[in-house]
């Protein structure tokens, strides 16, 4: 039997670079997969679900909408009977700009999606998981939650908030057999890294060179997906409130060059 047979997984941002990787992996492992998508990308979610076939179901899910969350969780239970796993994957980056030049719209959007979206997801999923006898929630954060980064204050602050939200939720839900963990990726090769957050704004890839670090490459979506599958599997049944950093050694700082042979 595959690892997630008979389990139902709801993944937000399910058509993005990380999200699609997660969707495909859970489906391949036997799960029923609910693909959460913003209204503007529903056609992409529909196409992905059609490609995967049985056990894949697209839902409209603006993560900042409490009504959308209620409808998505209800749809998951209606289609598949219960909700086992929530992956709070949806996230947005702010355009590179100083704090003084950051408008309230950009600031509010970062918090609305990156923090409020995860808060509402936990709030909506927890009762469904209790009905199912337990479950697992994983919040996708960022290594930017372990320091400060000039020009990205809105994103950094929102990802710091994810750390506190994760720990608080783990304490509140542990006795209900609901584990809550976080994954904090470093620089992963997705559109979020390679494309500007706003027209005329430089992408993050313009500022980052992995060469000095212990693992001198960009992360790949599959790296994050593999960690996610572990944290939501029975093998991680003793892990809650855990923060798993996947950054190739970025936070450690520059590594020594390879020893001469």
Protein backbone atom coordinates (compact mmCIF):
# COMPACT_ATOMS: atom_id res chain seq x y z
CA UNK A 1 0.00 0.00 0.00
CA UNK A 2 1.24 3.48 -0.84
CA UNK A 3 2.01 5.79 2.08
CA UNK A 4 -1.07 8.02 1.85
CA UNK A 5 -3.75 5.65 0.56
CA UNK A 6 -7.21 6.56 1.97
CA UNK A 7 -5.94 9.95 3.23
CA UNK A 8 -7.17 13.31 1.96
CA UNK A 9 -4.75 16.21 1.52
CA UNK A 10 -5.73 19.85 0.96
CA UNK A 11 -2.92 21.90 -0.59
CA UNK A 12 -3.17 25.67 -0.97
CA UNK A 13 -1.42 27.33 -3.88
CA UNK A 14 -1.69 23.95 -5.55
CA UNK A 15 -0.77 25.12 -9.06
CA UNK A 16 2.45 26.98 -8.20
CA UNK A 17 5.98 25.63 -8.45
CA UNK A 18 6.01 24.05 -4.99
CA UNK A 19 2.29 23.37 -4.89
CA UNK A 20 2.16 21.36 -8.09
CA UNK A 21 5.12 19.28 -6.93
CA UNK A 22 3.28 18.51 -3.67
CA UNK A 23 0.02 17.70 -5.47
CA UNK A 24 1.69 15.25 -7.85
CA UNK A 25 3.67 13.53 -5.11
CA UNK A 26 0.73 12.99 -2.75
CA UNK A 27 -1.41 11.72 -5.61
CA UNK A 28 1.34 9.29 -6.65
CA UNK A 29 1.47 8.08 -3.04
CA UNK A 30 -2.22 7.20 -3.11
CA UNK A 31 -3.81 10.24 -1.46
CA UNK A 32 -6.98 12.02 -2.39
CA UNK A 33 -5.73 15.50 -3.28
CA UNK A 34 -7.76 18.69 -3.04
CA UNK A 35 -6.04 21.35 -5.15
CA UNK A 36 -6.64 24.80 -3.68
CA UNK A 37 -6.37 27.55 -6.26
CA UNK A 38 -6.95 31.28 -6.47
CA UNK A 39 -9.86 32.26 -8.74
CA UNK A 40 -7.45 33.42 -11.43
CA UNK A 41 -5.77 30.02 -11.67
CA UNK A 42 -8.80 27.75 -11.42
CA UNK A 43 -8.47 26.69 -15.05
CA UNK A 44 -4.92 25.52 -14.31
CA UNK A 45 -6.16 23.58 -11.28
CA UNK A 46 -8.93 22.05 -13.38
CA UNK A 47 -6.39 20.93 -15.98
CA UNK A 48 -4.07 19.44 -13.34
CA UNK A 49 -6.95 17.54 -11.74
CA UNK A 50 -8.09 16.26 -15.13
CA UNK A 51 -4.57 15.08 -15.91
CA UNK A 52 -4.25 13.22 -12.61
CA UNK A 53 -7.75 11.74 -12.86
CA UNK A 54 -9.37 9.99 -9.92
CA UNK A 55 -8.57 11.28 -6.44
CA UNK A 56 -7.78 14.83 -7.61
CA UNK A 57 -10.29 17.61 -6.99
CA UNK A 58 -9.86 21.37 -7.63
CA UNK A 59 -11.41 24.00 -5.36
CA UNK A 60 -11.52 27.78 -5.42
CA UNK A 61 -9.53 28.95 -2.42
CA UNK A 62 -8.52 32.53 -1.80
CA UNK A 63 -6.70 31.83 1.47
CA UNK A 64 -7.57 35.26 2.86
CA UNK A 65 -11.29 34.42 2.62
CA UNK A 66 -12.86 32.65 5.58
CA UNK A 67 -15.83 31.71 3.41
CA UNK A 68 -13.56 30.10 0.81
CA UNK A 69 -11.86 28.08 3.53
CA UNK A 70 -15.17 26.81 4.91
CA UNK A 71 -16.29 25.82 1.42
CA UNK A 72 -12.97 24.09 0.59
CA UNK A 73 -12.96 21.99 3.75
CA UNK A 74 -16.63 21.09 3.24
CA UNK A 75 -15.86 20.09 -0.36
CA UNK A 76 -12.97 17.88 0.77
CA UNK A 77 -15.20 16.09 3.29
CA UNK A 78 -18.04 15.79 0.80
CA UNK A 79 -15.84 14.36 -1.94
CA UNK A 80 -13.62 12.07 0.13
CA UNK A 81 -15.20 11.62 3.56
CA UNK A 82 -12.60 13.32 5.75
CA UNK A 83 -9.63 15.66 5.80
CA UNK A 84 -6.32 14.17 6.95
CA UNK A 85 -3.61 16.67 5.96
CA UNK A 86 -3.45 20.40 5.32
CA UNK A 87 -0.48 21.94 3.54
CA UNK A 88 -0.51 25.72 3.99
CA UNK A 89 1.64 26.28 0.92
CA UNK A 90 0.26 29.48 -0.63
CA UNK A 91 2.54 32.49 -0.31
CA UNK A 92 3.41 35.80 -1.94
CA UNK A 93 6.55 37.91 -2.10
CA UNK A 94 6.67 41.69 -1.84
CA UNK A 95 8.50 43.79 -4.44
CA UNK A 96 12.07 44.62 -3.42
CA UNK A 97 11.81 47.99 -1.72
CA UNK A 98 12.81 49.75 1.47
CA UNK A 99 10.48 49.94 4.44
CA UNK A 100 9.98 53.65 3.83
CA UNK A 101 8.94 53.00 0.23
CA UNK A 102 6.69 50.02 1.02
CA UNK A 103 3.01 50.84 0.60
CA UNK A 104 0.29 49.51 2.86
CA UNK A 105 -1.13 47.50 -0.03
CA UNK A 106 2.06 45.45 -0.42
CA UNK A 107 2.45 45.08 3.37
CA UNK A 108 -1.16 44.04 3.90
CA UNK A 109 -1.08 41.56 1.01
CA UNK A 110 1.99 39.79 2.41
CA UNK A 111 0.32 39.35 5.79
CA UNK A 112 -3.09 38.54 4.32
CA UNK A 113 -1.77 35.59 2.32
CA UNK A 114 1.28 34.45 4.29
CA UNK A 115 -0.11 34.74 7.82
CA UNK A 116 -3.87 35.24 7.82
CA UNK A 117 -4.21 32.59 5.12
CA UNK A 118 -2.46 30.02 7.30
CA UNK A 119 -4.36 31.10 10.42
CA UNK A 120 -7.68 30.68 8.62
CA UNK A 121 -6.56 27.33 7.23
CA UNK A 122 -5.77 25.97 10.69
CA UNK A 123 -9.02 27.37 12.04
CA UNK A 124 -11.05 25.70 9.28
CA UNK A 125 -9.19 22.39 9.16
CA UNK A 126 -8.93 21.63 12.88
CA UNK A 127 -12.62 20.71 13.41
CA UNK A 128 -12.58 18.49 10.32
CA UNK A 129 -9.45 16.73 11.55
CA UNK A 130 -11.02 16.15 14.95
CA UNK A 131 -13.94 14.52 13.17
CA UNK A 132 -11.44 12.32 11.33
CA UNK A 133 -9.69 11.31 14.57
CA UNK A 134 -6.58 13.43 13.95
CA UNK A 135 -4.44 14.89 11.22
CA UNK A 136 -1.34 16.83 10.27
CA UNK A 137 -0.87 20.48 9.31
CA UNK A 138 2.31 21.80 7.72
CA UNK A 139 2.93 25.51 7.25
CA UNK A 140 5.40 26.53 4.56
CA UNK A 141 7.60 29.34 5.84
CA UNK A 142 11.00 30.59 4.71
CA UNK A 143 14.58 30.85 5.93
CA UNK A 144 13.94 34.60 5.86
CA UNK A 145 12.13 33.91 9.16
CA UNK A 146 15.54 33.42 10.83
CA UNK A 147 17.01 36.86 10.22
CA UNK A 148 16.44 40.13 8.48
CA UNK A 149 16.68 40.82 4.76
CA UNK A 150 16.90 44.35 3.41
CA UNK A 151 14.20 45.31 0.89
CA UNK A 152 11.88 42.43 1.89
CA UNK A 153 10.57 43.56 5.29
CA UNK A 154 6.94 42.64 4.58
CA UNK A 155 7.80 39.09 3.52
CA UNK A 156 10.35 38.61 6.31
CA UNK A 157 7.96 39.82 9.00
CA UNK A 158 5.14 37.63 7.71
CA UNK A 159 7.35 34.53 7.71
CA UNK A 160 8.54 35.25 11.24
CA UNK A 161 4.85 35.27 12.21
CA UNK A 162 4.41 31.81 10.69
CA UNK A 163 6.90 30.43 13.21
CA UNK A 164 4.85 31.67 16.17
CA UNK A 165 1.59 30.53 14.62
CA UNK A 166 2.98 27.03 14.07
CA UNK A 167 4.16 26.63 17.64
CA UNK A 168 0.96 27.96 19.17
CA UNK A 169 -1.18 25.69 16.99
CA UNK A 170 0.96 22.67 17.90
CA UNK A 171 0.32 23.30 21.60
CA UNK A 172 -3.41 23.84 21.13
CA UNK A 173 -4.07 20.84 18.88
CA UNK A 174 -1.63 18.18 20.09
CA UNK A 175 -4.10 16.50 22.45
CA UNK A 176 -6.56 16.22 19.55
CA UNK A 177 -4.03 14.05 17.71
CA UNK A 178 -3.31 16.90 15.28
CA UNK A 179 0.36 17.61 14.64
CA UNK A 180 1.45 21.03 13.36
CA UNK A 181 4.90 21.60 11.86
CA UNK A 182 6.65 24.03 9.53
CA UNK A 183 9.11 23.75 6.67
CA UNK A 184 11.36 26.72 5.99
CA UNK A 185 12.86 26.48 2.50
CA UNK A 186 15.82 28.53 1.39
CA UNK A 187 16.15 29.62 -2.22
CA UNK A 188 14.14 27.15 -4.28
CA UNK A 189 14.00 27.29 -8.07
CA UNK A 190 10.43 28.49 -8.69
CA UNK A 191 8.78 31.48 -10.35
CA UNK A 192 8.79 33.23 -6.96
CA UNK A 193 12.59 33.30 -7.21
CA UNK A 194 13.13 33.82 -10.93
CA UNK A 195 10.36 36.30 -11.73
CA UNK A 196 9.93 39.84 -10.37
CA UNK A 197 7.35 40.29 -7.63
CA UNK A 198 6.22 43.41 -9.52
CA UNK A 199 7.00 44.88 -12.95
CA UNK A 200 10.41 46.50 -12.93
CA UNK A 201 11.39 44.89 -9.61
CA UNK A 202 14.48 42.62 -9.65
CA UNK A 203 13.84 38.94 -8.91
CA UNK A 204 15.43 37.30 -5.86
CA UNK A 205 17.67 35.26 -8.17
CA UNK A 206 19.50 38.49 -9.03
CA UNK A 207 20.70 38.73 -5.42
CA UNK A 208 21.53 35.10 -4.67
CA UNK A 209 24.51 32.95 -5.67
CA UNK A 210 24.60 29.47 -4.06
CA UNK A 211 28.29 28.89 -4.86
CA UNK A 212 29.68 29.80 -1.39
CA UNK A 213 27.40 27.50 0.58
CA UNK A 214 27.75 23.88 1.70
CA UNK A 215 25.37 22.60 -0.98
CA UNK A 216 26.15 24.92 -3.91
CA UNK A 217 22.92 24.77 -5.85
CA UNK A 218 19.41 26.13 -5.80
CA UNK A 219 16.85 24.00 -4.03
CA UNK A 220 14.32 22.16 -6.14
CA UNK A 221 10.59 21.75 -5.44
CA UNK A 222 11.17 18.02 -5.03
CA UNK A 223 13.49 18.73 -2.07
CA UNK A 224 10.67 20.46 -0.21
CA UNK A 225 8.10 17.86 -1.25
CA UNK A 226 10.24 15.01 0.10
CA UNK A 227 10.46 16.71 3.50
CA UNK A 228 6.72 17.39 3.45
CA UNK A 229 5.89 13.76 2.76
CA UNK A 230 8.03 12.74 5.72
CA UNK A 231 6.51 15.25 8.16
CA UNK A 232 2.97 14.18 7.27
CA UNK A 233 3.71 10.45 7.40
CA UNK A 234 3.50 8.08 10.39
CA UNK A 235 7.31 8.06 10.49
CA UNK A 236 7.13 11.59 11.93
CA UNK A 237 4.44 10.80 14.49
CA UNK A 238 6.58 12.21 17.35
CA UNK A 239 7.21 15.55 15.60
CA UNK A 240 5.06 18.55 16.37
CA UNK A 241 6.03 22.20 16.61
CA UNK A 242 9.04 21.22 14.50
CA UNK A 243 10.71 23.74 12.21
CA UNK A 244 12.59 21.99 9.40
CA UNK A 245 15.05 24.24 7.58
CA UNK A 246 15.89 23.23 3.99
CA UNK A 247 18.43 25.71 2.68
CA UNK A 248 21.58 23.91 1.53
CA UNK A 249 23.49 25.50 4.40
CA UNK A 250 22.53 29.10 3.59
CA UNK A 251 21.92 30.04 7.23
CA UNK A 252 25.22 28.48 8.25
CA UNK A 253 27.20 30.86 6.08
CA UNK A 254 29.97 30.22 3.55
CA UNK A 255 31.53 26.76 3.59
CA UNK A 256 35.17 25.78 3.19
CA UNK A 257 36.15 24.87 -0.36
CA UNK A 258 36.42 21.19 -1.19
CA UNK A 259 39.62 19.62 0.08
CA UNK A 260 42.29 18.97 -2.53
CA UNK A 261 42.44 15.34 -3.59
